[in-house]
Amino acid sequence: MNNENFMGLGGFLWFSGVVEDRQDPLKAGRLRVRILGHHTENKQTLPTADLPWALTVLPVTASGVSGIGQSATGLLEGSWVFGFFRDGHYRQEPIILGSLPGRPVSFADNRKGFNDPNEIYPRYINEPDVNRLAVNEVSRPHPSINERAVSRITGIATADYNSMLNAAGEPTQASDGTTWDQPANPYAAVYPFNHVYESESGHLSEFDDTPGSERIHIRHRTGTSTELHPNGTRTDIIKGDQYTITSGDNQVYIQGKSDTTINGRHKLYINKNGQANNHYDIEIGPGANINIQVDNGDINLHTLNGRLNLNSGGDTNLKVGGSLTIDVAGNLIQNVEGNTTENTSGTVIVRGATIDLNP
């Protein structure tokens, strides 16, 4: 093969420039770049629409085939880039090799070339283009730092069970309610250890390797987030609704305490498909009680087609503040191995077709 006119054999003609258009009609990740020294900044002489389309080089984590891997849509209007012309001195086929962060000294002016025509970027001037979460300067905090401080919830109440005297005149053990706080923001990044990705709308990911303050933080622009603290604590914040759908089993093991506080209602539906032996079992280990308290309402137990079985291994105390009504559709059988004592301060009425006191 004697053809020596191909890319790679001739000279390497490189460039730097500014992205002015990313609305590729082919949606192939192409960009229009105004290139220093090759294009004028005069947009009347050379409008953005007349700039050649540039392709981008992807990292090895992106295949560049069938959309597998990272998409070629990370650059913005206003991004400074560098690359080379694969068609050499013809200069109509630029290839972008990477972007060039800097330290802008002025905001964009869409009247001139080499600027973001939308005048969105740069967002800040007289500071580096490195994300503020990676830099962590007190005088220039990232907006999310203040948002997280303002939205932090503290003083969340837990259940409070009041002690009472049972029918035997004995007090039940109280279970006092406490409060807990959403953990404070563990952010303490030191440059250059915090590796940050931020999208245009404000989605964030942080992989912070700051010694002693290592964190992972994934955050949606609304504030919904998951954060892994330096000590391994995990904080999940959901600003909207949460739906969890598990196709298989779900096993949960909590070695410490667990508190759930709900402002709305709570329903639990077991054995929805009506399969046999899908029981709802509760077991309390030695030395602990089950306490149920309704501050202002009823406790209703209802079996549509089944029995209600109550087995007390010790004494059973029933204290009724009002009337006690028992409606039995069948027989009432009482077997007492010891004595029976009934004390009534009012009238006692006994009615029956036959009354046998000692048959």
Protein backbone atom coordinates (compact mmCIF):
# COMPACT_ATOMS: atom_id res chain seq x y z
CA MET A 1 0.00 0.00 0.00
CA ASN A 2 1.66 3.21 -1.17
CA ASN A 3 -1.01 5.66 0.01
CA GLU A 4 0.73 7.82 2.59
CA ASN A 5 -2.10 10.33 2.99
CA PHE A 6 -3.77 9.15 6.15
CA MET A 7 -4.25 10.34 9.75
CA GLY A 8 -1.31 9.51 11.96
CA LEU A 9 1.40 9.85 9.38
CA GLY A 10 1.31 13.59 8.87
CA GLY A 11 1.94 16.36 11.40
CA PHE A 12 -0.12 16.67 14.59
CA LEU A 13 -2.07 19.95 14.49
CA TRP A 14 -3.56 20.65 17.92
CA PHE A 15 -5.87 23.40 19.16
CA SER A 16 -7.69 24.91 22.14
CA GLY A 17 -11.07 26.62 22.00
CA VAL A 18 -14.50 27.16 23.54
CA VAL A 19 -17.68 25.11 23.06
CA GLU A 20 -20.49 27.31 21.72
CA ASP A 21 -23.11 24.74 20.68
CA ARG A 22 -23.96 21.22 21.88
CA GLN A 23 -27.36 20.82 20.21
CA ASP A 24 -26.17 18.17 17.79
CA PRO A 25 -29.03 17.35 15.38
CA LEU A 26 -27.62 13.82 15.07
CA LYS A 27 -27.45 13.47 18.88
CA ALA A 28 -24.03 11.91 18.44
CA GLY A 29 -22.26 13.98 21.08
CA ARG A 30 -20.78 16.46 18.59
CA LEU A 31 -19.98 20.04 19.56
CA ARG A 32 -19.32 23.28 17.76
CA VAL A 33 -16.04 24.77 19.00
CA ARG A 34 -14.60 28.20 18.30
CA ILE A 35 -10.86 27.56 18.07
CA LEU A 36 -8.20 30.07 19.08
CA GLY A 37 -6.05 31.32 16.23
CA HIS A 38 -8.14 29.56 13.62
CA HIS A 39 -11.49 31.30 14.19
CA THR A 40 -12.30 34.93 14.87
CA GLU A 41 -14.22 36.05 17.96
CA ASN A 42 -16.40 38.21 15.68
CA LYS A 43 -19.71 36.36 15.53
CA GLN A 44 -20.90 38.55 12.65
CA THR A 45 -18.02 37.35 10.53
CA LEU A 46 -18.19 33.76 11.76
CA PRO A 47 -21.51 32.84 13.38
CA THR A 48 -21.66 29.88 15.76
CA ALA A 49 -23.81 28.01 13.25
CA ASP A 50 -20.92 28.05 10.75
CA LEU A 51 -18.40 26.42 13.08
CA PRO A 52 -17.49 22.82 12.19
CA TRP A 53 -18.82 19.98 14.33
CA ALA A 54 -16.21 18.40 16.61
CA LEU A 55 -16.21 14.80 17.85
CA THR A 56 -15.16 13.93 21.40
CA VAL A 57 -12.75 11.28 22.63
CA LEU A 58 -14.27 9.13 25.38
CA PRO A 59 -12.41 7.49 28.30
CA VAL A 60 -11.74 3.77 28.30
CA THR A 61 -14.72 3.35 30.66
CA ALA A 62 -16.99 4.19 27.71
CA SER A 63 -17.20 1.80 24.78
CA GLY A 64 -18.28 4.36 22.19
CA VAL A 65 -20.55 1.64 20.79
CA SER A 66 -24.33 1.29 21.17
CA GLY A 67 -24.47 3.68 24.12
CA ILE A 68 -22.56 1.36 26.43
CA GLY A 69 -20.62 3.21 29.12
CA GLN A 70 -20.45 6.94 29.73
CA SER A 71 -22.28 9.19 27.27
CA ALA A 72 -20.47 11.91 25.32
CA THR A 73 -22.65 14.68 26.76
CA GLY A 74 -20.57 16.11 29.58
CA LEU A 75 -19.26 19.32 28.00
CA LEU A 76 -21.21 22.59 28.17
CA GLU A 77 -21.43 25.79 26.21
CA GLY A 78 -18.56 27.79 27.63
CA SER A 79 -16.29 24.79 28.27
CA TRP A 80 -12.66 25.33 27.27
CA VAL A 81 -11.38 22.28 25.39
CA PHE A 82 -8.31 21.12 23.54
CA GLY A 83 -7.78 18.58 20.79
CA PHE A 84 -6.43 18.09 17.31
CA PHE A 85 -7.56 18.19 13.68
CA ARG A 86 -7.72 14.71 12.28
CA ASP A 87 -7.82 16.13 8.77
CA GLY A 88 -4.62 18.10 9.41
CA HIS A 89 -4.34 21.48 7.73
CA TYR A 90 -7.85 21.27 6.28
CA ARG A 91 -9.04 21.94 9.87
CA GLN A 92 -12.65 20.85 9.31
CA GLU A 93 -12.67 17.73 11.50
CA PRO A 94 -11.68 18.71 15.05
CA ILE A 95 -11.39 16.02 17.71
CA ILE A 96 -11.79 17.03 21.37
CA LEU A 97 -9.41 15.27 23.72
CA GLY A 98 -10.44 16.93 26.98
CA SER A 99 -11.62 20.04 28.79
CA LEU A 100 -9.49 22.76 30.41
CA PRO A 101 -10.69 24.09 33.78
CA GLY A 102 -9.35 27.50 34.69
CA ARG A 103 -10.08 30.57 36.79
CA PRO A 104 -12.55 32.85 34.97
CA VAL A 105 -12.18 36.58 35.50
CA SER A 106 -15.43 37.63 33.80
CA PHE A 107 -18.90 36.31 33.10
CA ALA A 108 -19.95 35.28 29.61
CA ASP A 109 -20.74 37.89 26.95
CA ASN A 110 -22.88 36.37 24.21
CA ARG A 111 -22.04 39.21 21.84
CA LYS A 112 -18.56 37.79 21.40
CA GLY A 113 -17.16 34.46 20.39
CA PHE A 114 -15.27 32.25 22.83
CA ASN A 115 -18.15 32.72 25.30
CA ASP A 116 -21.19 30.75 26.40
CA PRO A 117 -23.93 32.14 24.11
CA ASN A 118 -26.51 31.36 26.83
CA GLU A 119 -24.55 33.37 29.43
CA ILE A 120 -24.96 30.63 32.04
CA TYR A 121 -21.32 29.61 32.47
CA PRO A 122 -19.11 30.38 34.21
CA ARG A 123 -21.34 30.57 37.28
CA TYR A 124 -18.57 32.12 39.37
CA ILE A 125 -15.64 34.39 38.58
CA ASN A 126 -12.31 34.96 40.29
CA GLU A 127 -12.29 31.41 41.60
CA PRO A 128 -11.19 28.10 40.10
CA ASP A 129 -13.52 25.97 38.01
CA VAL A 130 -12.94 23.08 40.43
CA ASN A 131 -16.18 22.22 42.24
CA ARG A 132 -16.64 24.13 45.50
CA LEU A 133 -17.23 20.89 47.38
CA ALA A 134 -13.77 19.75 46.33
CA VAL A 135 -12.15 23.09 47.23
CA ASN A 136 -14.02 23.71 50.53
CA GLU A 137 -13.31 27.37 51.22
CA VAL A 138 -15.39 28.85 54.04
CA SER A 139 -15.82 32.14 52.17
CA ARG A 140 -17.23 30.34 49.13
CA PRO A 141 -19.38 27.41 50.35
CA HIS A 142 -21.25 25.19 47.95
CA PRO A 143 -25.01 25.96 47.99
CA SER A 144 -25.79 22.43 49.17
CA ILE A 145 -23.94 23.00 52.47
CA ASN A 146 -26.40 25.68 53.60
CA GLU A 147 -29.39 23.76 52.21
CA ARG A 148 -28.43 20.72 54.26
CA ALA A 149 -28.01 22.76 57.43
CA VAL A 150 -31.39 24.47 57.02
CA SER A 151 -33.29 21.26 56.22
CA ARG A 152 -31.80 19.17 59.05
CA ILE A 153 -34.53 17.75 61.32
CA THR A 154 -33.99 17.48 65.08
CA GLY A 155 -36.06 16.54 68.12
CA ILE A 156 -37.97 13.67 66.48
CA ALA A 157 -40.15 12.04 69.16
CA THR A 158 -40.37 8.31 69.81
CA ALA A 159 -43.24 6.34 71.42
CA ASP A 160 -44.01 7.16 75.06
CA TYR A 161 -45.86 4.52 77.12
CA ASN A 162 -47.35 5.76 80.42
CA SER A 163 -47.34 3.62 83.54
CA MET A 164 -50.75 2.65 85.03
CA LEU A 165 -52.23 0.57 87.87
CA ASN A 166 -53.64 -2.76 86.76
CA ALA A 167 -56.67 -4.50 88.28
CA ALA A 168 -54.47 -5.89 91.04
CA GLY A 169 -53.34 -2.40 91.98
CA GLU A 170 -49.84 -2.98 90.63
CA PRO A 171 -48.10 -0.38 88.45
CA THR A 172 -47.02 -1.36 84.96
CA GLN A 173 -43.55 -0.45 83.83
CA ALA A 174 -43.42 2.80 81.86
CA SER A 175 -41.44 3.20 78.66
CA ASP A 176 -40.54 6.86 78.38
CA GLY A 177 -40.28 8.38 74.94
CA THR A 178 -37.09 10.07 73.82
CA THR A 179 -36.09 12.22 70.86
CA TRP A 180 -33.44 11.79 68.21
CA ASP A 181 -31.81 14.05 65.64
CA GLN A 182 -30.88 13.67 62.02
CA PRO A 183 -27.07 13.35 62.05
CA ALA A 184 -25.16 16.54 61.39
CA ASN A 185 -23.48 17.01 58.03
CA PRO A 186 -20.13 15.14 58.24
CA TYR A 187 -18.63 17.12 55.34
CA ALA A 188 -15.04 18.12 56.14
CA ALA A 189 -13.30 17.85 52.78
CA VAL A 190 -9.72 18.93 52.26
CA TYR A 191 -8.40 19.69 48.79
CA PRO A 192 -7.54 17.64 46.72
CA PHE A 193 -9.10 14.53 48.30
CA ASN A 194 -12.80 15.04 47.53
CA HIS A 195 -13.74 13.70 44.10
CA VAL A 196 -16.94 15.44 43.03
CA TYR A 197 -19.35 15.11 40.14
CA GLU A 198 -22.10 17.71 39.73
CA SER A 199 -24.65 17.83 36.91
CA GLU A 200 -26.19 20.95 35.41
CA SER A 201 -29.41 20.72 37.45
CA GLY A 202 -27.56 20.10 40.71
CA HIS A 203 -27.32 16.33 41.12
CA LEU A 204 -24.21 15.50 43.16
CA SER A 205 -21.91 12.63 43.93
CA GLU A 206 -18.94 12.84 46.28
CA PHE A 207 -16.28 10.24 46.93
CA ASP A 208 -14.31 11.94 49.66
CA ASP A 209 -10.93 10.46 50.59
CA THR A 210 -10.00 13.19 53.07
CA PRO A 211 -8.02 11.39 55.81
CA GLY A 212 -10.29 10.88 58.81
CA SER A 213 -13.33 12.26 56.98
CA GLU A 214 -13.89 9.68 54.26
CA ARG A 215 -17.46 9.80 52.94
CA ILE A 216 -19.67 8.80 50.03
CA HIS A 217 -22.55 11.17 49.27
CA ILE A 218 -25.13 10.81 46.47
CA ARG A 219 -27.65 13.65 46.27
CA HIS A 220 -30.59 14.53 44.02
CA ARG A 221 -31.18 18.21 43.31
CA THR A 222 -34.33 18.12 45.52
CA GLY A 223 -32.30 17.03 48.55
CA THR A 224 -33.08 13.32 48.41
CA SER A 225 -29.77 11.71 49.30
CA THR A 226 -27.77 8.81 50.66
CA GLU A 227 -24.62 9.47 52.66
CA LEU A 228 -22.08 7.11 54.17
CA HIS A 229 -20.33 8.79 57.10
CA PRO A 230 -16.67 8.36 58.08
CA ASN A 231 -17.65 5.94 60.89
CA GLY A 232 -19.83 3.83 58.59
CA THR A 233 -23.15 5.43 59.60
CA ARG A 234 -25.61 5.73 56.72
CA THR A 235 -28.15 8.54 56.42
CA ASP A 236 -30.96 8.32 53.85
CA ILE A 237 -33.09 11.41 53.21
CA ILE A 238 -36.14 11.17 50.95
CA LYS A 239 -37.84 14.45 50.11
CA GLY A 240 -40.72 12.81 48.23
CA ASP A 241 -42.38 9.40 48.44
CA GLN A 242 -40.51 6.09 48.76
CA TYR A 243 -41.47 2.85 47.04
CA THR A 244 -39.57 -0.36 47.76
CA ILE A 245 -40.49 -3.43 45.72
CA THR A 246 -38.71 -6.71 46.49
CA SER A 247 -39.32 -9.72 44.27
CA GLY A 248 -37.65 -12.14 46.67
CA ASP A 249 -37.17 -12.37 50.42
CA ASN A 250 -36.31 -9.47 52.70
CA GLN A 251 -34.17 -10.11 55.76
CA VAL A 252 -33.38 -7.33 58.26
CA TYR A 253 -31.06 -7.72 61.26
CA ILE A 254 -30.74 -4.76 63.64
CA GLN A 255 -28.18 -5.23 66.39
CA GLY A 256 -29.04 -1.95 68.12
CA LYS A 257 -32.26 -0.04 68.73
CA SER A 258 -34.98 0.82 66.24
CA ASP A 259 -37.46 3.73 66.40
CA THR A 260 -40.15 4.59 63.89
CA THR A 261 -42.16 7.80 64.10
CA ILE A 262 -45.00 8.26 61.59
CA ASN A 263 -47.06 11.42 61.15
CA GLY A 264 -49.62 9.72 58.90
CA ARG A 265 -51.31 6.33 59.06
CA HIS A 266 -49.63 2.94 58.92
CA LYS A 267 -51.06 -0.28 57.48
CA LEU A 268 -49.58 -3.77 57.42
CA TYR A 269 -51.04 -6.46 55.14
CA ILE A 270 -49.73 -10.00 55.64
CA ASN A 271 -50.40 -13.02 53.39
CA LYS A 272 -52.09 -11.04 50.63
CA ASN A 273 -52.22 -14.10 48.33
CA GLY A 274 -53.91 -16.29 50.97
CA GLN A 275 -51.25 -19.00 51.06
CA ALA A 276 -51.11 -21.44 53.97
CA ASN A 277 -48.75 -20.93 56.92
CA ASN A 278 -47.70 -17.37 56.09
CA HIS A 279 -48.09 -16.36 59.72
CA TYR A 280 -47.37 -13.03 61.39
CA ASP A 281 -45.24 -13.90 64.40
CA ILE A 282 -43.96 -11.60 67.14
CA GLU A 283 -41.54 -12.91 69.75
CA ILE A 284 -40.25 -10.81 72.63
CA GLY A 285 -37.16 -12.09 74.38
CA PRO A 286 -36.79 -12.40 78.18
CA GLY A 287 -37.03 -9.27 80.31
CA ALA A 288 -39.06 -7.09 77.94
CA ASN A 289 -42.75 -6.21 77.52
CA ILE A 290 -45.17 -5.41 74.74
CA ASN A 291 -46.71 -2.01 75.50
CA ILE A 292 -49.60 -0.66 73.45
CA GLN A 293 -51.07 2.73 74.27
CA VAL A 294 -53.77 4.65 72.41
CA ASP A 295 -53.82 8.28 73.53
CA ASN A 296 -57.34 8.98 72.27
CA GLY A 297 -59.04 6.19 70.35
CA ASP A 298 -60.04 2.53 70.40
CA ILE A 299 -58.22 -0.80 70.23
CA ASN A 300 -60.12 -3.15 67.93
CA LEU A 301 -59.38 -6.87 67.47
CA HIS A 302 -61.55 -8.56 64.86
CA THR A 303 -61.38 -12.06 63.38
CA LEU A 304 -63.69 -12.45 60.38
CA ASN A 305 -63.55 -16.25 60.44
CA GLY A 306 -61.39 -17.69 63.18
CA ARG A 307 -60.80 -17.94 66.89
CA LEU A 308 -59.26 -15.57 69.38
CA ASN A 309 -56.93 -17.51 71.68
CA LEU A 310 -55.43 -15.89 74.77
CA ASN A 311 -53.06 -17.88 76.96
CA SER A 312 -51.49 -16.23 80.00
CA GLY A 313 -48.64 -18.08 81.68
CA GLY A 314 -49.17 -16.03 84.84
CA ASP A 315 -51.87 -13.78 86.24
CA THR A 316 -54.30 -11.94 83.99
CA ASN A 317 -55.45 -8.51 85.15
CA LEU A 318 -58.32 -6.71 83.46
CA LYS A 319 -59.19 -3.17 84.52
CA VAL A 320 -62.18 -1.51 82.86
CA GLY A 321 -62.80 2.20 83.33
CA GLY A 322 -66.40 1.97 82.10
CA SER A 323 -68.84 -0.88 81.54
CA LEU A 324 -67.84 -4.42 80.57
CA THR A 325 -70.14 -6.10 78.07
CA ILE A 326 -69.63 -9.69 76.95
CA ASP A 327 -71.87 -10.98 74.15
CA VAL A 328 -71.49 -14.74 73.61
CA ALA A 329 -73.34 -16.39 70.72
CA GLY A 330 -72.60 -19.89 72.05
CA ASN A 331 -71.88 -21.26 75.51
CA LEU A 332 -69.92 -19.56 78.30
CA ILE A 333 -67.75 -22.04 80.17
CA GLN A 334 -65.58 -21.05 83.12
CA ASN A 335 -63.25 -23.57 84.75
CA VAL A 336 -61.70 -22.28 87.98
CA GLU A 337 -59.35 -24.53 89.95
CA GLY A 338 -59.23 -22.16 92.90
CA ASN A 339 -61.76 -19.85 94.52
CA THR A 340 -64.12 -17.40 92.84
CA THR A 341 -64.84 -14.06 94.49
CA GLU A 342 -67.25 -11.51 93.07
CA ASN A 343 -67.67 -8.11 94.72
CA THR A 344 -70.48 -5.95 93.34
CA SER A 345 -71.43 -2.62 94.85
CA GLY A 346 -74.72 -2.49 92.96
CA THR A 347 -77.56 -4.85 92.10
CA VAL A 348 -76.88 -8.38 90.86
CA ILE A 349 -79.39 -9.76 88.36
CA VAL A 350 -79.15 -13.31 87.07
CA ARG A 351 -81.61 -14.56 84.44
CA GLY A 352 -81.77 -17.96 82.81
CA ALA A 353 -84.18 -20.60 81.57
CA THR A 354 -82.77 -22.88 84.25
CA ILE A 355 -80.45 -21.83 87.04
CA ASP A 356 -78.63 -24.68 88.81
CA LEU A 357 -76.40 -23.45 91.59
CA ASN A 358 -75.16 -26.89 92.67
CA PRO A 359 -76.53 -29.58 90.37
